[in-house]
Structures are given as structure tokens and as C-alpha cells.
Protein backbone atom coordinates (compact mmCIF):
# COMPACT_ATOMS: atom_id res chain seq x y z
CA MET A 1 7.35 85.20 80.27
CA TYR A 2 7.56 81.62 81.38
CA THR A 3 3.93 81.06 80.58
CA THR A 4 4.34 82.51 77.10
CA MET A 5 7.32 80.28 76.31
CA LYS A 6 5.43 77.25 77.56
CA LEU A 7 2.53 77.96 75.22
CA ILE A 8 4.92 78.42 72.31
CA MET A 9 6.60 75.04 72.97
CA GLU A 10 3.27 73.21 73.29
CA ASN A 11 2.05 74.69 70.00
CA TRP A 12 5.32 73.68 68.32
CA ARG A 13 4.99 70.08 69.53
CA ARG A 14 1.37 70.03 68.30
CA PHE A 15 2.50 71.31 64.89
CA LEU A 16 5.14 68.58 64.61
CA ALA A 17 2.63 65.91 65.62
CA GLU A 18 0.18 67.07 62.96
CA ALA A 19 2.85 67.28 60.24
CA ASP A 20 2.43 63.57 59.44
CA THR A 21 -1.25 63.98 58.57
CA VAL A 22 -3.26 65.92 56.04
CA THR A 23 -6.58 67.34 57.05
CA ALA A 24 -9.44 66.04 54.94
CA PRO A 25 -11.33 68.52 52.76
CA PRO A 26 -14.65 69.84 54.08
CA TRP A 27 -16.71 67.27 52.17
CA GLU A 28 -14.78 64.42 53.83
CA VAL A 29 -14.79 65.67 57.41
CA GLY A 30 -13.82 62.99 59.85
CA ARG A 31 -11.50 61.18 57.39
CA GLN A 32 -7.71 61.46 57.39
CA THR A 33 -5.38 60.41 54.61
CA VAL A 34 -2.05 59.03 55.77
CA ARG A 35 0.83 60.26 53.70
CA GLU A 36 2.76 57.78 51.57
CA PRO A 37 5.93 56.49 53.28
CA ARG A 38 9.24 57.50 51.77
CA LEU A 39 10.55 55.30 48.94
CA ARG A 40 13.34 52.90 49.80
CA PRO A 41 16.14 51.94 47.42
CA MET A 42 15.22 48.79 45.36
CA ASP A 43 16.53 45.52 46.74
CA PRO A 44 17.94 43.38 43.87
CA ARG A 45 16.25 40.39 45.43
CA ASP A 46 12.89 41.95 44.67
CA VAL A 47 13.48 41.74 40.90
CA LYS A 48 11.26 38.92 39.54
CA THR A 49 11.57 37.01 36.23
CA PRO A 50 8.40 37.41 34.13
CA VAL A 51 6.29 34.22 33.83
CA VAL A 52 5.93 32.98 30.23
CA ASP A 53 3.04 30.81 29.01
CA LYS A 54 4.10 27.18 28.95
CA TRP A 55 3.33 26.57 25.26
CA ARG A 56 5.39 29.62 24.28
CA GLU A 57 8.22 28.55 26.59
CA GLU A 58 8.36 25.22 24.77
CA GLY A 59 8.83 26.99 21.45
CA GLU A 60 5.38 26.43 19.99
CA GLU A 61 3.92 29.09 17.76
CA GLU A 62 0.46 30.38 17.18
CA MET A 63 -1.41 29.31 14.07
CA PRO A 64 0.44 30.72 11.04
CA GLN A 65 -1.60 33.33 9.21
CA VAL A 66 -1.54 32.52 5.48
CA GLU A 67 -4.00 33.32 2.72
CA PRO A 68 -4.75 31.20 -0.36
CA SER A 69 -3.92 32.88 -3.65
CA GLY A 70 -5.56 32.21 -6.97
CA GLY A 71 -8.89 30.65 -7.82
CA VAL A 72 -7.99 26.99 -7.25
CA GLN A 73 -6.47 27.50 -3.80
CA LYS A 74 -9.35 29.68 -2.62
CA HIS A 75 -11.90 27.21 -3.97
CA ASN A 76 -10.23 24.22 -2.27
CA ALA A 77 -9.88 26.02 1.07
CA GLU A 78 -13.59 26.83 1.00
CA ALA A 79 -14.48 23.26 -0.05
CA LEU A 80 -12.48 21.69 2.79
CA PHE A 81 -13.98 24.14 5.29
CA ARG A 82 -17.50 23.21 4.15
CA LEU A 83 -16.69 19.53 4.66
CA TYR A 84 -15.33 20.26 8.15
CA ARG A 85 -18.53 22.14 9.02
CA GLY A 86 -20.96 19.84 7.23
CA ASP A 87 -19.87 16.23 7.82
CA ARG A 88 -19.37 14.84 11.33
CA ARG A 89 -16.91 12.17 10.07
CA VAL A 90 -14.68 14.77 8.41
CA PHE A 91 -14.94 16.94 11.54
CA SER A 92 -13.77 13.97 13.65
CA ILE A 93 -10.82 13.32 11.28
CA PHE A 94 -9.72 16.96 11.54
CA MET A 95 -9.91 16.78 15.34
CA GLN A 96 -7.88 13.54 15.49
CA GLY A 97 -5.24 14.84 13.10
CA TYR A 98 -4.58 18.16 14.84
CA ASP A 99 -1.78 18.74 17.39
CA GLY A 100 -1.82 22.54 17.70
CA PRO A 101 -2.13 24.76 20.79
CA LYS A 102 -5.72 25.85 20.12
CA SER A 103 -8.82 23.75 19.48
CA LEU A 104 -10.26 23.16 16.02
CA GLU A 105 -13.67 23.47 17.61
CA ASP A 106 -13.10 27.18 16.96
CA PRO A 107 -14.01 27.73 13.27
CA LEU A 108 -11.58 30.65 13.01
CA VAL A 109 -8.69 28.38 14.06
CA THR A 110 -9.84 25.71 11.61
CA GLU A 111 -10.07 28.22 8.78
CA GLN A 112 -6.42 29.20 9.28
CA PHE A 113 -5.44 25.52 9.62
CA ILE A 114 -7.12 24.67 6.31
CA ASN A 115 -5.59 27.73 4.64
CA TYR A 116 -2.16 26.45 5.71
CA LEU A 117 -2.89 22.95 4.29
CA VAL A 118 -3.94 24.39 0.95
CA VAL A 119 -1.17 26.99 0.59
CA LYS A 120 1.70 24.73 1.69
CA ASN A 121 0.82 21.57 -0.24
CA LYS A 122 0.94 21.40 -4.05
CA ILE A 123 -1.69 18.66 -4.23
CA PHE A 124 -4.30 21.40 -3.63
CA HIS A 125 -2.92 23.84 -6.24
CA ASP A 126 -3.81 22.35 -9.62
CA ASN A 127 -7.26 20.75 -9.47
CA LYS A 128 -10.47 21.84 -7.76
CA ILE A 129 -12.38 19.70 -5.28
CA VAL A 130 -15.82 19.24 -6.87
CA ASP A 131 -17.52 16.54 -4.79
CA PHE A 132 -17.38 14.58 -1.55
CA LEU A 133 -17.16 10.81 -2.12
CA GLY A 134 -17.08 9.48 1.43
CA ALA A 135 -15.19 9.13 4.70
CA GLY A 136 -13.86 6.40 6.96
CA SER A 137 -12.27 6.28 10.38
CA PHE A 138 -8.97 7.96 9.47
CA GLY A 139 -9.52 9.66 6.13
CA PHE A 140 -11.95 11.01 3.58
CA VAL A 141 -12.15 11.02 -0.22
CA VAL A 142 -13.05 13.88 -2.55
CA GLN A 143 -13.52 14.07 -6.31
CA LEU A 144 -11.28 16.41 -8.32
CA ASP A 145 -12.16 18.20 -11.52
CA ASN A 146 -9.80 15.89 -13.45
CA ASP A 147 -12.16 12.96 -12.62
CA HIS A 148 -9.65 11.53 -10.13
CA ALA A 149 -10.39 10.73 -6.49
CA LEU A 150 -8.16 12.21 -3.79
CA LYS A 151 -7.91 10.39 -0.49
CA ILE A 152 -6.77 12.58 2.43
CA TYR A 153 -5.87 10.60 5.53
CA ILE A 154 -4.27 11.19 8.94
CA GLY A 155 -2.95 7.67 9.50
CA SER A 156 -3.78 4.03 8.86
CA TYR A 157 -5.41 1.22 10.80
CA ASP A 158 -3.04 -0.79 13.01
CA PRO A 159 -4.62 -4.26 13.33
CA SER A 160 -2.18 -5.40 16.04
CA ARG A 161 -3.34 -2.63 18.39
CA GLN A 162 -6.74 -2.06 16.75
CA THR A 163 -6.12 1.69 16.66
CA ILE A 164 -4.62 4.39 14.44
CA ASP A 165 -1.02 4.36 13.25
CA PRO A 166 -0.25 8.09 12.82
CA THR A 167 2.67 7.29 10.50
CA GLY A 168 0.27 5.80 7.94
CA GLY A 169 2.70 2.92 7.48
CA SER A 170 0.50 0.21 5.94
CA ASP A 171 -1.38 2.54 3.57
CA ILE A 172 1.80 4.28 2.40
CA GLU A 173 3.45 0.93 1.69
CA ARG A 174 0.42 -0.33 -0.22
CA TYR A 175 -0.02 2.84 -2.30
CA LYS A 176 3.69 3.02 -3.16
CA SER A 177 3.64 -0.62 -4.24
CA SER A 178 0.50 -0.12 -6.34
CA ARG A 179 2.00 2.93 -8.05
CA GLU A 180 5.24 1.10 -8.82
CA ARG A 181 3.36 -1.86 -10.34
CA ALA A 182 1.11 0.42 -12.37
CA PHE A 183 3.93 2.48 -13.84
CA GLY A 184 6.16 -0.59 -14.15
CA GLY A 185 3.64 -2.44 -16.28
CA THR A 186 3.17 -5.33 -13.82
CA ALA A 187 -0.22 -4.36 -12.35
CA ALA A 188 -3.14 -6.78 -12.41
CA ALA A 189 -6.58 -5.66 -13.53
CA SER A 190 -7.78 -5.66 -9.91
CA ASP A 191 -4.87 -3.53 -8.65
CA LEU A 192 -5.68 -0.02 -7.54
CA MET A 193 -4.12 2.54 -9.88
CA ILE A 194 -2.27 5.24 -7.90
CA TYR A 195 -1.40 8.36 -9.88
CA ASP A 196 0.33 10.15 -7.01
CA GLU A 197 0.84 9.76 -3.26
CA GLY A 198 2.75 11.58 -0.56
CA GLU A 199 2.70 13.64 2.62
CA ILE A 200 0.65 16.71 3.56
CA GLU A 201 2.44 19.31 5.68
CA THR A 202 0.52 20.69 8.68
CA PRO A 203 1.45 23.73 10.84
CA PHE A 204 2.76 21.94 13.93
CA GLY A 205 4.89 19.10 12.62
CA ARG A 206 2.42 16.26 12.27
CA LYS A 207 2.12 14.73 8.81
CA TRP A 208 -1.07 13.96 6.95
CA PHE A 209 -1.07 11.92 3.75
CA TYR A 210 -2.76 11.74 0.37
CA ALA A 211 -3.25 9.32 -2.50
CA GLU A 212 -4.65 10.28 -5.91
CA MET A 213 -6.46 7.43 -7.62
CA PRO A 214 -9.19 6.74 -10.20
CA GLN A 215 -12.66 7.83 -9.22
CA LEU A 216 -14.39 4.86 -7.61
CA LYS A 217 -17.89 4.23 -6.42
CA THR A 218 -17.73 2.45 -3.08
CA LEU A 219 -19.41 -0.93 -2.86
CA SER A 220 -21.59 0.35 0.00
CA ASP A 221 -22.92 3.25 -2.09
CA TYR A 222 -23.34 1.03 -5.13
CA MET A 223 -25.34 -1.56 -3.17
CA ARG A 224 -27.50 1.02 -1.39
CA TYR A 225 -28.46 2.45 -4.78
CA ALA A 226 -29.07 -1.00 -6.27
CA HIS A 227 -31.33 -1.89 -3.32
CA LYS A 228 -32.84 1.55 -2.70
CA ASP A 229 -36.18 -0.05 -1.84
CA LYS A 230 -34.57 -1.43 1.36
CA ASP A 231 -33.33 0.26 4.52
CA GLU A 232 -29.85 1.75 3.89
CA ARG A 233 -28.41 0.64 7.24
CA GLU A 234 -29.70 -2.87 6.74
CA VAL A 235 -28.19 -3.09 3.25
CA THR A 236 -24.82 -1.80 4.52
CA ASP A 237 -24.74 -4.33 7.38
CA ASP A 238 -25.82 -7.23 5.16
CA VAL A 239 -23.14 -6.41 2.57
CA ASP A 240 -20.47 -6.25 5.29
CA ASP A 241 -21.66 -9.63 6.63
CA GLU A 242 -21.28 -11.15 3.16
CA ILE A 243 -17.77 -9.68 2.89
CA THR A 244 -16.91 -11.20 6.28
CA PHE A 245 -18.09 -14.57 4.99
CA LEU A 246 -15.91 -14.22 1.89
CA LYS A 247 -12.87 -13.39 4.04
CA GLU A 248 -13.40 -16.46 6.22
CA LEU A 249 -14.11 -18.63 3.18
CA ALA A 250 -10.83 -17.44 1.64
CA HIS A 251 -9.01 -18.36 4.86
CA LEU A 252 -10.68 -21.78 4.85
CA ALA A 253 -9.59 -22.25 1.23
CA THR A 254 -5.93 -21.64 2.17
CA LEU A 255 -6.22 -24.34 4.87
CA VAL A 256 -7.84 -26.76 2.44
CA ASP A 257 -5.02 -26.16 -0.04
CA LYS A 258 -2.50 -27.07 2.68
CA HIS A 259 -4.23 -29.86 4.62
CA GLY A 260 -7.10 -31.20 2.51
CA ALA A 261 -10.84 -31.24 3.14
CA GLN A 262 -10.79 -34.46 5.18
CA ALA A 263 -8.45 -32.96 7.78
CA ILE A 264 -10.76 -29.95 8.08
CA ALA A 265 -13.76 -32.22 8.62
CA GLU A 266 -11.92 -34.05 11.42
CA PHE A 267 -10.59 -30.91 13.06
CA ASP A 268 -11.10 -30.83 16.83
CA PRO A 269 -10.65 -27.36 18.38
CA GLU A 270 -10.16 -28.80 21.90
CA GLU A 271 -7.33 -31.00 20.72
CA ALA A 272 -5.80 -28.06 18.84
CA TYR A 273 -6.01 -25.94 22.00
CA ALA A 274 -4.22 -28.63 23.99
CA LYS A 275 -1.47 -28.84 21.40
CA GLN A 276 -1.12 -25.07 21.27
CA HIS A 277 -0.60 -24.95 25.04
CA GLY A 278 1.99 -27.71 25.22
CA ARG A 279 -0.11 -30.77 26.09
CA ALA A 280 0.26 -33.76 23.79
CA PHE A 281 2.49 -31.57 21.65
CA PRO A 282 3.48 -33.59 18.54
CA GLU A 283 6.67 -33.16 16.55
CA ASP A 284 4.67 -32.44 13.42
CA TYR A 285 2.67 -29.65 15.08
CA GLU A 286 3.78 -27.20 12.42
CA ASP A 287 1.80 -29.28 9.94
CA GLU A 288 -1.34 -29.19 12.06
CA ILE A 289 -4.35 -27.06 11.16
CA LYS A 290 -4.21 -23.53 12.53
CA PHE A 291 -7.39 -21.56 12.12
CA ASP A 292 -6.93 -17.82 12.35
CA PRO A 293 -7.83 -16.60 15.89
CA ASP A 294 -10.43 -14.27 14.37
CA PHE A 295 -12.07 -17.08 12.36
CA GLY A 296 -15.58 -18.12 13.37
CA LEU A 297 -17.99 -15.26 12.66
CA SER A 298 -19.48 -17.09 9.68
CA PHE A 299 -18.60 -20.68 10.59
CA GLU A 300 -18.56 -22.98 13.58
CA THR A 301 -15.25 -24.82 14.00
CA SER A 302 -16.53 -27.60 16.26
CA ARG A 303 -15.89 -31.25 15.35
CA GLY A 304 -18.31 -32.56 12.81
CA ASP A 305 -19.73 -29.19 11.76
CA THR A 306 -21.44 -30.19 8.54
CA GLN A 307 -21.30 -26.79 6.82
CA LEU A 308 -17.58 -26.36 7.46
CA ALA A 309 -16.88 -29.87 6.17
CA GLU A 310 -19.21 -29.37 3.19
CA PHE A 311 -17.63 -26.10 2.14
CA ALA A 312 -14.13 -27.52 2.60
CA GLU A 313 -14.99 -30.37 0.25
CA LEU A 314 -16.51 -28.06 -2.35
CA LEU A 315 -13.45 -25.79 -2.20
CA GLU A 316 -11.16 -28.80 -2.68
CA GLN A 317 -13.19 -29.69 -5.77
CA GLY A 318 -12.87 -26.12 -7.03
CA ASP A 319 -16.65 -25.70 -6.98
CA LEU A 320 -16.91 -22.18 -5.55
CA ASP A 321 -20.12 -21.62 -7.53
CA ALA A 322 -21.85 -24.20 -5.34
CA VAL A 323 -20.79 -22.40 -2.14
CA LEU A 324 -21.62 -18.78 -2.88
CA PRO A 325 -25.42 -19.06 -3.32
CA GLN A 326 -25.72 -20.50 0.19
CA LYS A 327 -24.40 -17.33 1.83
CA ILE A 328 -24.34 -14.55 -0.79
CA ASP A 329 -27.69 -12.85 -1.37
CA LEU A 330 -26.99 -9.19 -2.19
CA LEU A 331 -23.60 -9.25 -3.93
CA ASP A 332 -23.38 -10.18 -7.57
CA LYS A 333 -22.00 -13.73 -7.73
CA THR A 334 -19.28 -12.88 -10.26
CA TYR A 335 -18.23 -9.86 -8.19
CA ALA A 336 -18.21 -12.04 -5.04
CA LYS A 337 -16.10 -14.68 -6.78
CA ASN A 338 -13.55 -12.09 -7.90
CA LEU A 339 -13.45 -10.58 -4.41
CA PHE A 340 -12.92 -14.07 -2.91
CA ASN A 341 -9.90 -14.63 -5.18
CA GLN A 342 -8.40 -11.25 -4.22
CA LEU A 343 -8.89 -11.95 -0.51
CA LYS A 344 -7.34 -15.40 -0.81
CA GLU A 345 -4.27 -13.85 -2.42
CA LEU A 346 -3.98 -11.26 0.38
CA LEU A 347 -4.28 -13.98 3.05
CA LYS A 348 -1.07 -15.58 1.84
CA THR A 349 0.76 -12.87 3.75
CA LYS A 350 -1.99 -11.30 5.92
CA THR A 351 -4.21 -12.46 8.78
CA LEU A 352 -7.96 -11.98 9.10
CA ARG A 353 -7.26 -9.27 11.65
CA ASP A 354 -5.06 -7.49 9.09
CA LEU A 355 -8.09 -7.43 6.81
CA ALA A 356 -10.55 -6.37 9.51
CA ASP A 357 -11.15 -3.03 7.77
CA VAL A 358 -11.98 -4.62 4.41
CA ARG A 359 -15.68 -3.74 4.18
CA GLY A 360 -18.11 -2.16 1.78
CA ALA A 361 -16.90 1.37 2.46
CA ASN A 362 -13.32 0.43 1.54
CA ILE A 363 -13.96 -1.60 -1.60
CA GLY A 364 -14.61 0.08 -4.92
CA VAL A 365 -16.56 -0.94 -8.00
CA SER A 366 -14.60 -0.40 -11.19
CA THR A 367 -16.14 2.15 -13.57
CA THR A 368 -15.03 0.07 -16.56
CA ASP A 369 -15.98 -3.40 -15.25
CA GLU A 370 -18.61 -3.62 -12.52
CA SER A 371 -17.67 -7.24 -11.76
CA LEU A 372 -14.17 -6.14 -10.73
CA PRO A 373 -13.68 -5.24 -7.03
CA ILE A 374 -10.91 -2.81 -6.10
CA ILE A 375 -9.83 -2.98 -2.46
CA PHE A 376 -8.50 0.51 -1.80
CA ASP A 377 -8.20 0.53 1.98
CA TYR A 378 -7.61 -1.98 4.79
């Protein structure tokens, strides 16, 4: 009896010991699967706050999904997209002017971005884009089917920092002033006619800008066509060099008007440097000659420089026609003379650095008078 009870107790203990395991099926002999432990009540400290993407947490949104409606909007969206894909300068402008969460290197993102520009801004609703006229550092120009040119730009050149001003301050001021003069009846023949100007809304808060103006042929394009037997790059560079000369000549003319040609001929840059830095500083320093710091690309300013003195004397005599042939080879002399007079007027309130972006790509040739320059960007 004792032996029987002992066997029963040993079998019972073996049963309890094996209760925590499950025997593997025949095809997995030798393996045991441990049963899942019992669930414990949830500890409130184990509750975690879901992590949200940073750009969503800051309130940014994905690219709005909008679709152009009507023939004009659809046409303009396709035209802008072709420019983005087909011209590296326009592509660069789009990249600089975009502040969204995804890259415009993705054509699908760019397509939605352009759709937004077209749908949300009335300037793209009435007239079709029919041609590409050119591009600069911060904007590009297209031709509309009303024979106007539309400049689309993301900012303006800041000469003080030599970089972009995303507010477009200088261009906006100039275009507003031109429009007011044109519609107020006080515009000069050389003033740029502005039909309309304003802001372009983009999806993520940044503003772009536009100005609608007469269709212009840029001086660079005009000169490349006129000298198509020469290398295009060489023509462009030579034209820009001649424009640089005209800018410096206009600055020299303002100094001659103030100080006279003789003072220019006797100018000593070392003495001027000493005065500027407080040595031998005269009471009448404000009346001394002050060449623009950026002056000197076309002239030497050393004492006794014969060309500087010669040109100063000719300018004092009003004989600009004797100066131009010595430096102007490609530009028409009448056109160059008119451009000189415009630059001289600008330099009454601007510096040479302010006019650093005045070059062939930013000067137009009037369609009604080819001797009339129109400076449309600087």
C-alpha cells in the first residue's frame, strides 16, 4: 500500500512539473515551446506619446493639390513646367525660390507647385505664355500672347551684400515708380513702361513677384544676332565690357561736373587715401575728389594717367563723340551715347556697385527706336 501511494505521489509531481510545457509535435521532436506568461495589468507609466514628424509638428503642410481649370491656366502650367525642365537657369530660379518641405528636384512636386502658382495668381489667368525671352540670376522673362513681356522674379540684387534680397525691394520700388510716371504722364522716352506689377503667392508663405512690360529684345540677344559671324560668348563679354566703360565714364563725368578736368588730371590716389584715413585731413575734404570704390576697371586712377586726364577734358568740353570711338567698337555710337546719359542720371543717386547688374542681359532695345536703351533690371 505504501509503495502504491508513493508511486501515485511521484507521478503527480511529474505531472505538475510538466504542466508548464507543451510537448512538441512529432515533426519537431526535441523542441519545446514555453507557454506565454500571464498578462499583467497595464502600468500607466508604460503609455507613450506617439512621435510626430518635425515638419508636421511645426504646422507645415504637404504640397496643396490643385488643378488648373480652363485652357489658359492649363496652357500656362504646362509652359512653366517645360521651362523648369528645359532651361537650367529657370530650374535654378525655381530651386532658390522654394521653401517647401519636399525638394523641387522631384518633377511631381514641381508640377503641383506650378499648378498652385497658376491657379492662385490672376496674372496667369488671362494671357497665354507663348515664348521664353531670357533669364537672369533671380528671374526670367516670358512673352505673352498680348505681345507683352512678363518678368517673374524671386527677389532682387542687393549690391551692399552682393546677394539676393528675397523681398525684391529695389525692383519693386523701381517698377512702381515707372508705372506711376507712365500713367501720370511724366515718363521720359527712355523710361520702362510697366503695365502691371505685384506679388505671386506660393504654397508656403514666400512671395514671388512679377512685372508686365512691353516686349523687349535684350541688348545681348540683339548684339549676338547683329554679329552672328562672331563667337556668341565673345560678343556677350565684349558688349558687357563696353557697358562697364560707359558706367565708369558716366561716373567720371559727374566728378568733372563737380571738380573740373584739371583737378581730375592732378588727382593723386595716395594723397586721397591718406586724407580718407585721417592723415593730413583738410577742412575742405568734402570738396575733394572721391572716386567710387568700384571705379578702375576701364581706367587707371594714378597721377598723370593721360587717358583719364584726356577723357576728363573732353567731357568738360561736352565732346562725348570724341571719347566713344576710342573704347566703343560693337555698340552703335548713338545707342552708347543715350545709354551714357541714362547712366549718368542714375549715378546722381546710385553708386557703381548699385549698377553692377546693368549689363547686356538687363538692357533692352526699344522696338520703336533702336537707338533708345531701356534699362529694365539692375
